[in-house]
Amino acid sequence: VYGPWMVASLSILRTALHQRRAVHSWFIVLLFS
């Protein structure tokens, strides 16, 4: 449960640093939350 949440969270942080959108990663975070 928390593995995909963590991977998607790191993906969101990476895209935030590059100022990109991370719709799919936010979906994974919300789903596993």
ModelCIF file with pLDDT and N, C-alpha, C, O atoms, coordinates in Angstrom:
data_MODEL
#
_entry.id   MODEL 
#
_entity.id                         1 
_entity.type                       polymer 
_entity.pdbx_number_of_molecules   1 
#
_entity_poly.entity_id                      1 
_entity_poly.type                           'polypeptide(L)' 
_entity_poly.nstd_linkage                   no 
_entity_poly.nstd_monomer                   no 
_entity_poly.pdbx_seq_one_letter_code       VYGPWMVASLSILRTALHQRRAVHSWFIVLLFS 
_entity_poly.pdbx_seq_one_letter_code_can   VYGPWMVASLSILRTALHQRRAVHSWFIVLLFS 
_entity_poly.pdbx_strand_id                 A 
#
loop_
_entity_poly_seq.entity_id 
_entity_poly_seq.num 
_entity_poly_seq.mon_id 
_entity_poly_seq.hetero 
1 1  VAL n 
1 2  TYR n 
1 3  GLY n 
1 4  PRO n 
1 5  TRP n 
1 6  MET n 
1 7  VAL n 
1 8  ALA n 
1 9  SER n 
1 10 LEU n 
1 11 SER n 
1 12 ILE n 
1 13 LEU n 
1 14 ARG n 
1 15 THR n 
1 16 ALA n 
1 17 LEU n 
1 18 HIS n 
1 19 GLN n 
1 20 ARG n 
1 21 ARG n 
1 22 ALA n 
1 23 VAL n 
1 24 HIS n 
1 25 SER n 
1 26 TRP n 
1 27 PHE n 
1 28 ILE n 
1 29 VAL n 
1 30 LEU n 
1 31 LEU n 
1 32 PHE n 
1 33 SER n 
#
_struct_asym.id          A 
_struct_asym.entity_id   1 
#
loop_
_ma_qa_metric.id 
_ma_qa_metric.mode 
_ma_qa_metric.name 
_ma_qa_metric.software_group_id 
_ma_qa_metric.type 
1 global pLDDT . pLDDT 
2 local  pLDDT . pLDDT 
#
_ma_qa_metric_global.metric_id      1 
_ma_qa_metric_global.metric_value   89.61 
_ma_qa_metric_global.model_id       1 
_ma_qa_metric_global.ordinal_id     1 
#
loop_
_ma_qa_metric_local.label_asym_id 
_ma_qa_metric_local.label_comp_id 
_ma_qa_metric_local.label_seq_id 
_ma_qa_metric_local.metric_id 
_ma_qa_metric_local.metric_value 
_ma_qa_metric_local.model_id 
_ma_qa_metric_local.ordinal_id 
A VAL 1  2 81.00 1 1  
A TYR 2  2 83.00 1 2  
A GLY 3  2 85.00 1 3  
A PRO 4  2 89.00 1 4  
A TRP 5  2 88.00 1 5  
A MET 6  2 87.00 1 6  
A VAL 7  2 89.00 1 7  
A ALA 8  2 90.00 1 8  
A SER 9  2 90.00 1 9  
A LEU 10 2 89.00 1 10 
A SER 11 2 89.00 1 11 
A ILE 12 2 91.00 1 12 
A LEU 13 2 89.00 1 13 
A ARG 14 2 88.00 1 14 
A THR 15 2 89.00 1 15 
A ALA 16 2 87.00 1 16 
A LEU 17 2 83.00 1 17 
A HIS 18 2 84.00 1 18 
A GLN 19 2 84.00 1 19 
A ARG 20 2 86.00 1 20 
A ARG 21 2 88.00 1 21 
A ALA 22 2 91.00 1 22 
A VAL 23 2 94.00 1 23 
A HIS 24 2 94.00 1 24 
A SER 25 2 93.00 1 25 
A TRP 26 2 96.00 1 26 
A PHE 27 2 96.00 1 27 
A ILE 28 2 94.00 1 28 
A VAL 29 2 95.00 1 29 
A LEU 30 2 96.00 1 30 
A LEU 31 2 95.00 1 31 
A PHE 32 2 92.00 1 32 
A SER 33 2 92.00 1 33 
#
loop_
_atom_site.group_PDB 
_atom_site.id 
_atom_site.type_symbol 
_atom_site.label_atom_id 
_atom_site.label_alt_id 
_atom_site.label_comp_id 
_atom_site.label_asym_id 
_atom_site.label_entity_id 
_atom_site.label_seq_id 
_atom_site.pdbx_PDB_ins_code 
_atom_site.Cartn_x 
_atom_site.Cartn_y 
_atom_site.Cartn_z 
_atom_site.occupancy 
_atom_site.B_iso_or_equiv 
_atom_site.pdbx_formal_charge 
_atom_site.auth_seq_id 
_atom_site.auth_comp_id 
_atom_site.auth_asym_id 
_atom_site.auth_atom_id 
_atom_site.pdbx_PDB_model_num 
ATOM 1   N N  . VAL A 1 1  ? 0.837  -1.197 0.000   1.00 81.00 ? 1  VAL A N  1 
ATOM 2   C CA . VAL A 1 1  ? 0.000  0.000  0.000   1.00 81.00 ? 1  VAL A CA 1 
ATOM 3   C C  . VAL A 1 1  ? 0.873  1.249  0.000   1.00 81.00 ? 1  VAL A C  1 
ATOM 4   O O  . VAL A 1 1  ? 0.634  2.181  -0.768  1.00 81.00 ? 1  VAL A O  1 
ATOM 5   N N  . TYR A 1 2  ? 1.891  1.265  0.867   1.00 83.00 ? 2  TYR A N  1 
ATOM 6   C CA . TYR A 1 2  ? 2.707  2.465  1.008   1.00 83.00 ? 2  TYR A CA 1 
ATOM 7   C C  . TYR A 1 2  ? 3.852  2.545  0.005   1.00 83.00 ? 2  TYR A C  1 
ATOM 8   O O  . TYR A 1 2  ? 4.413  3.624  -0.186  1.00 83.00 ? 2  TYR A O  1 
ATOM 9   N N  . GLY A 1 3  ? 4.213  1.454  -0.633  1.00 85.00 ? 3  GLY A N  1 
ATOM 10  C CA . GLY A 1 3  ? 5.260  1.483  -1.656  1.00 85.00 ? 3  GLY A CA 1 
ATOM 11  C C  . GLY A 1 3  ? 4.877  2.327  -2.861  1.00 85.00 ? 3  GLY A C  1 
ATOM 12  O O  . GLY A 1 3  ? 5.608  3.250  -3.217  1.00 85.00 ? 3  GLY A O  1 
ATOM 13  N N  . PRO A 1 4  ? 3.731  2.029  -3.508  1.00 89.00 ? 4  PRO A N  1 
ATOM 14  C CA . PRO A 1 4  ? 3.316  2.872  -4.644  1.00 89.00 ? 4  PRO A CA 1 
ATOM 15  C C  . PRO A 1 4  ? 3.054  4.324  -4.240  1.00 89.00 ? 4  PRO A C  1 
ATOM 16  O O  . PRO A 1 4  ? 3.292  5.246  -5.020  1.00 89.00 ? 4  PRO A O  1 
ATOM 17  N N  . TRP A 1 5  ? 2.566  4.516  -3.023  1.00 88.00 ? 5  TRP A N  1 
ATOM 18  C CA . TRP A 1 5  ? 2.346  5.876  -2.523  1.00 88.00 ? 5  TRP A CA 1 
ATOM 19  C C  . TRP A 1 5  ? 3.668  6.628  -2.478  1.00 88.00 ? 5  TRP A C  1 
ATOM 20  O O  . TRP A 1 5  ? 3.743  7.780  -2.905  1.00 88.00 ? 5  TRP A O  1 
ATOM 21  N N  . MET A 1 6  ? 4.716  5.980  -1.962  1.00 87.00 ? 6  MET A N  1 
ATOM 22  C CA . MET A 1 6  ? 6.016  6.626  -1.843  1.00 87.00 ? 6  MET A CA 1 
ATOM 23  C C  . MET A 1 6  ? 6.634  6.895  -3.217  1.00 87.00 ? 6  MET A C  1 
ATOM 24  O O  . MET A 1 6  ? 7.188  7.969  -3.449  1.00 87.00 ? 6  MET A O  1 
ATOM 25  N N  . VAL A 1 7  ? 6.543  5.931  -4.119  1.00 89.00 ? 7  VAL A N  1 
ATOM 26  C CA . VAL A 1 7  ? 7.105  6.115  -5.463  1.00 89.00 ? 7  VAL A CA 1 
ATOM 27  C C  . VAL A 1 7  ? 6.393  7.260  -6.190  1.00 89.00 ? 7  VAL A C  1 
ATOM 28  O O  . VAL A 1 7  ? 7.044  8.096  -6.818  1.00 89.00 ? 7  VAL A O  1 
ATOM 29  N N  . ALA A 1 8  ? 5.082  7.298  -6.107  1.00 90.00 ? 8  ALA A N  1 
ATOM 30  C CA . ALA A 1 8  ? 4.337  8.384  -6.749  1.00 90.00 ? 8  ALA A CA 1 
ATOM 31  C C  . ALA A 1 8  ? 4.644  9.728  -6.089  1.00 90.00 ? 8  ALA A C  1 
ATOM 32  O O  . ALA A 1 8  ? 4.696  10.753 -6.768  1.00 90.00 ? 8  ALA A O  1 
ATOM 33  N N  . SER A 1 9  ? 4.846  9.728  -4.785  1.00 90.00 ? 9  SER A N  1 
ATOM 34  C CA . SER A 1 9  ? 5.196  10.966 -4.086  1.00 90.00 ? 9  SER A CA 1 
ATOM 35  C C  . SER A 1 9  ? 6.542  11.498 -4.556  1.00 90.00 ? 9  SER A C  1 
ATOM 36  O O  . SER A 1 9  ? 6.696  12.699 -4.780  1.00 90.00 ? 9  SER A O  1 
ATOM 37  N N  . LEU A 1 10 ? 7.506  10.613 -4.704  1.00 89.00 ? 10 LEU A N  1 
ATOM 38  C CA . LEU A 1 10 ? 8.815  11.041 -5.196  1.00 89.00 ? 10 LEU A CA 1 
ATOM 39  C C  . LEU A 1 10 ? 8.714  11.547 -6.636  1.00 89.00 ? 10 LEU A C  1 
ATOM 40  O O  . LEU A 1 10 ? 9.403  12.493 -7.017  1.00 89.00 ? 10 LEU A O  1 
ATOM 41  N N  . SER A 1 11 ? 7.867  10.923 -7.418  1.00 89.00 ? 11 SER A N  1 
ATOM 42  C CA . SER A 1 11 ? 7.654  11.384 -8.787  1.00 89.00 ? 11 SER A CA 1 
ATOM 43  C C  . SER A 1 11 ? 7.038  12.778 -8.805  1.00 89.00 ? 11 SER A C  1 
ATOM 44  O O  . SER A 1 11 ? 7.408  13.610 -9.633  1.00 89.00 ? 11 SER A O  1 
ATOM 45  N N  . ILE A 1 12 ? 6.111  13.033 -7.906  1.00 91.00 ? 12 ILE A N  1 
ATOM 46  C CA . ILE A 1 12 ? 5.494  14.356 -7.811  1.00 91.00 ? 12 ILE A CA 1 
ATOM 47  C C  . ILE A 1 12 ? 6.521  15.398 -7.395  1.00 91.00 ? 12 ILE A C  1 
ATOM 48  O O  . ILE A 1 12 ? 6.542  16.502 -7.938  1.00 91.00 ? 12 ILE A O  1 
ATOM 49  N N  . LEU A 1 13 ? 7.372  15.054 -6.436  1.00 89.00 ? 13 LEU A N  1 
ATOM 50  C CA . LEU A 1 13 ? 8.409  15.996 -6.006  1.00 89.00 ? 13 LEU A CA 1 
ATOM 51  C C  . LEU A 1 13 ? 9.360  16.309 -7.153  1.00 89.00 ? 13 LEU A C  1 
ATOM 52  O O  . LEU A 1 13 ? 9.764  17.456 -7.341  1.00 89.00 ? 13 LEU A O  1 
ATOM 53  N N  . ARG A 1 14 ? 9.711  15.294 -7.908  1.00 88.00 ? 14 ARG A N  1 
ATOM 54  C CA . ARG A 1 14 ? 10.612 15.500 -9.048  1.00 88.00 ? 14 ARG A CA 1 
ATOM 55  C C  . ARG A 1 14 ? 9.972  16.402 -10.096 1.00 88.00 ? 14 ARG A C  1 
ATOM 56  O O  . ARG A 1 14 ? 10.620 17.310 -10.617 1.00 88.00 ? 14 ARG A O  1 
ATOM 57  N N  . THR A 1 15 ? 8.706  16.155 -10.405 1.00 89.00 ? 15 THR A N  1 
ATOM 58  C CA . THR A 1 15 ? 8.044  16.990 -11.400 1.00 89.00 ? 15 THR A CA 1 
ATOM 59  C C  . THR A 1 15 ? 7.828  18.413 -10.879 1.00 89.00 ? 15 THR A C  1 
ATOM 60  O O  . THR A 1 15 ? 7.841  19.365 -11.659 1.00 89.00 ? 15 THR A O  1 
ATOM 61  N N  . ALA A 1 16 ? 7.629  18.562 -9.565  1.00 87.00 ? 16 ALA A N  1 
ATOM 62  C CA . ALA A 1 16 ? 7.496  19.907 -8.994  1.00 87.00 ? 16 ALA A CA 1 
ATOM 63  C C  . ALA A 1 16 ? 8.802  20.675 -9.129  1.00 87.00 ? 16 ALA A C  1 
ATOM 64  O O  . ALA A 1 16 ? 8.793  21.876 -9.399  1.00 87.00 ? 16 ALA A O  1 
ATOM 65  N N  . LEU A 1 17 ? 9.913  19.997 -8.944  1.00 83.00 ? 17 LEU A N  1 
ATOM 66  C CA . LEU A 1 17 ? 11.214 20.657 -9.107  1.00 83.00 ? 17 LEU A CA 1 
ATOM 67  C C  . LEU A 1 17 ? 11.448 21.080 -10.548 1.00 83.00 ? 17 LEU A C  1 
ATOM 68  O O  . LEU A 1 17 ? 12.110 22.087 -10.802 1.00 83.00 ? 17 LEU A O  1 
ATOM 69  N N  . HIS A 1 18 ? 10.914 20.323 -11.486 1.00 84.00 ? 18 HIS A N  1 
ATOM 70  C CA . HIS A 1 18 ? 11.053 20.659 -12.901 1.00 84.00 ? 18 HIS A CA 1 
ATOM 71  C C  . HIS A 1 18 ? 9.888  21.498 -13.417 1.00 84.00 ? 18 HIS A C  1 
ATOM 72  O O  . HIS A 1 18 ? 9.796  21.792 -14.609 1.00 84.00 ? 18 HIS A O  1 
ATOM 73  N N  . GLN A 1 19 ? 9.003  21.877 -12.501 1.00 84.00 ? 19 GLN A N  1 
ATOM 74  C CA . GLN A 1 19 ? 7.824  22.691 -12.797 1.00 84.00 ? 19 GLN A CA 1 
ATOM 75  C C  . GLN A 1 19 ? 6.975  22.087 -13.906 1.00 84.00 ? 19 GLN A C  1 
ATOM 76  O O  . GLN A 1 19 ? 6.612  22.750 -14.878 1.00 84.00 ? 19 GLN A O  1 
ATOM 77  N N  . ARG A 1 20 ? 6.676  20.822 -13.727 1.00 86.00 ? 20 ARG A N  1 
ATOM 78  C CA . ARG A 1 20 ? 5.809  20.098 -14.657 1.00 86.00 ? 20 ARG A CA 1 
ATOM 79  C C  . ARG A 1 20 ? 4.595  19.607 -13.869 1.00 86.00 ? 20 ARG A C  1 
ATOM 80  O O  . ARG A 1 20 ? 4.569  19.666 -12.640 1.00 86.00 ? 20 ARG A O  1 
ATOM 81  N N  . ARG A 1 21 ? 3.599  19.126 -14.596 1.00 88.00 ? 21 ARG A N  1 
ATOM 82  C CA . ARG A 1 21 ? 2.398  18.569 -13.968 1.00 88.00 ? 21 ARG A CA 1 
ATOM 83  C C  . ARG A 1 21 ? 2.581  17.072 -13.772 1.00 88.00 ? 21 ARG A C  1 
ATOM 84  O O  . ARG A 1 21 ? 3.273  16.419 -14.553 1.00 88.00 ? 21 ARG A O  1 
ATOM 85  N N  . ALA A 1 22 ? 1.961  16.530 -12.730 1.00 91.00 ? 22 ALA A N  1 
ATOM 86  C CA . ALA A 1 22 ? 2.078  15.107 -12.422 1.00 91.00 ? 22 ALA A CA 1 
ATOM 87  C C  . ALA A 1 22 ? 0.705  14.524 -12.131 1.00 91.00 ? 22 ALA A C  1 
ATOM 88  O O  . ALA A 1 22 ? 0.457  14.031 -11.031 1.00 91.00 ? 22 ALA A O  1 
ATOM 89  N N  . VAL A 1 23 ? -0.175 14.578 -13.098 1.00 94.00 ? 23 VAL A N  1 
ATOM 90  C CA . VAL A 1 23 ? -1.557 14.143 -12.901 1.00 94.00 ? 23 VAL A CA 1 
ATOM 91  C C  . VAL A 1 23 ? -1.623 12.657 -12.560 1.00 94.00 ? 23 VAL A C  1 
ATOM 92  O O  . VAL A 1 23 ? -2.328 12.263 -11.631 1.00 94.00 ? 23 VAL A O  1 
ATOM 93  N N  . HIS A 1 24 ? -0.892 11.834 -13.306 1.00 94.00 ? 24 HIS A N  1 
ATOM 94  C CA . HIS A 1 24 ? -0.931 10.389 -13.063 1.00 94.00 ? 24 HIS A CA 1 
ATOM 95  C C  . HIS A 1 24 ? -0.383 10.044 -11.678 1.00 94.00 ? 24 HIS A C  1 
ATOM 96  O O  . HIS A 1 24 ? -0.939 9.192  -10.986 1.00 94.00 ? 24 HIS A O  1 
ATOM 97  N N  . SER A 1 25 ? 0.687  10.691 -11.280 1.00 93.00 ? 25 SER A N  1 
ATOM 98  C CA . SER A 1 25 ? 1.266  10.419 -9.961  1.00 93.00 ? 25 SER A CA 1 
ATOM 99  C C  . SER A 1 25 ? 0.328  10.857 -8.846  1.00 93.00 ? 25 SER A C  1 
ATOM 100 O O  . SER A 1 25 ? 0.218  10.175 -7.828  1.00 93.00 ? 25 SER A O  1 
ATOM 101 N N  . TRP A 1 26 ? -0.353 11.993 -9.027  1.00 96.00 ? 26 TRP A N  1 
ATOM 102 C CA . TRP A 1 26 ? -1.331 12.410 -8.022  1.00 96.00 ? 26 TRP A CA 1 
ATOM 103 C C  . TRP A 1 26 ? -2.483 11.414 -7.938  1.00 96.00 ? 26 TRP A C  1 
ATOM 104 O O  . TRP A 1 26 ? -3.008 11.165 -6.853  1.00 96.00 ? 26 TRP A O  1 
ATOM 105 N N  . PHE A 1 27 ? -2.875 10.851 -9.060  1.00 96.00 ? 27 PHE A N  1 
ATOM 106 C CA . PHE A 1 27 ? -3.919 9.834  -9.056  1.00 96.00 ? 27 PHE A CA 1 
ATOM 107 C C  . PHE A 1 27 ? -3.477 8.624  -8.228  1.00 96.00 ? 27 PHE A C  1 
ATOM 108 O O  . PHE A 1 27 ? -4.259 8.098  -7.436  1.00 96.00 ? 27 PHE A O  1 
ATOM 109 N N  . ILE A 1 28 ? -2.230 8.182  -8.406  1.00 94.00 ? 28 ILE A N  1 
ATOM 110 C CA . ILE A 1 28 ? -1.710 7.042  -7.639  1.00 94.00 ? 28 ILE A CA 1 
ATOM 111 C C  . ILE A 1 28 ? -1.669 7.371  -6.152  1.00 94.00 ? 28 ILE A C  1 
ATOM 112 O O  . ILE A 1 28 ? -2.051 6.542  -5.326  1.00 94.00 ? 28 ILE A O  1 
ATOM 113 N N  . VAL A 1 29 ? -1.212 8.566  -5.803  1.00 95.00 ? 29 VAL A N  1 
ATOM 114 C CA . VAL A 1 29 ? -1.163 8.959  -4.386  1.00 95.00 ? 29 VAL A CA 1 
ATOM 115 C C  . VAL A 1 29 ? -2.567 8.965  -3.788  1.00 95.00 ? 29 VAL A C  1 
ATOM 116 O O  . VAL A 1 29 ? -2.775 8.446  -2.691  1.00 95.00 ? 29 VAL A O  1 
ATOM 117 N N  . LEU A 1 30 ? -3.516 9.541  -4.489  1.00 96.00 ? 30 LEU A N  1 
ATOM 118 C CA . LEU A 1 30 ? -4.887 9.570  -3.979  1.00 96.00 ? 30 LEU A CA 1 
ATOM 119 C C  . LEU A 1 30 ? -5.496 8.177  -3.891  1.00 96.00 ? 30 LEU A C  1 
ATOM 120 O O  . LEU A 1 30 ? -6.201 7.865  -2.931  1.00 96.00 ? 30 LEU A O  1 
ATOM 121 N N  . LEU A 1 31 ? -5.230 7.345  -4.882  1.00 95.00 ? 31 LEU A N  1 
ATOM 122 C CA . LEU A 1 31 ? -5.755 5.985  -4.881  1.00 95.00 ? 31 LEU A CA 1 
ATOM 123 C C  . LEU A 1 31 ? -5.232 5.183  -3.687  1.00 95.00 ? 31 LEU A C  1 
ATOM 124 O O  . LEU A 1 31 ? -6.013 4.560  -2.968  1.00 95.00 ? 31 LEU A O  1 
ATOM 125 N N  . PHE A 1 32 ? -3.926 5.197  -3.477  1.00 92.00 ? 32 PHE A N  1 
ATOM 126 C CA . PHE A 1 32 ? -3.367 4.401  -2.393  1.00 92.00 ? 32 PHE A CA 1 
ATOM 127 C C  . PHE A 1 32 ? -3.603 5.029  -1.026  1.00 92.00 ? 32 PHE A C  1 
ATOM 128 O O  . PHE A 1 32 ? -3.613 4.316  -0.022  1.00 92.00 ? 32 PHE A O  1 
ATOM 129 N N  . SER A 1 33 ? -3.792 6.334  -0.960  1.00 92.00 ? 33 SER A N  1 
ATOM 130 C CA . SER A 1 33 ? -4.230 6.940  0.303   1.00 92.00 ? 33 SER A CA 1 
ATOM 131 C C  . SER A 1 33 ? -5.648 6.484  0.629   1.00 92.00 ? 33 SER A C  1 
ATOM 132 O O  . SER A 1 33 ? -6.204 6.882  1.653   1.00 92.00 ? 33 SER A O  1 
#
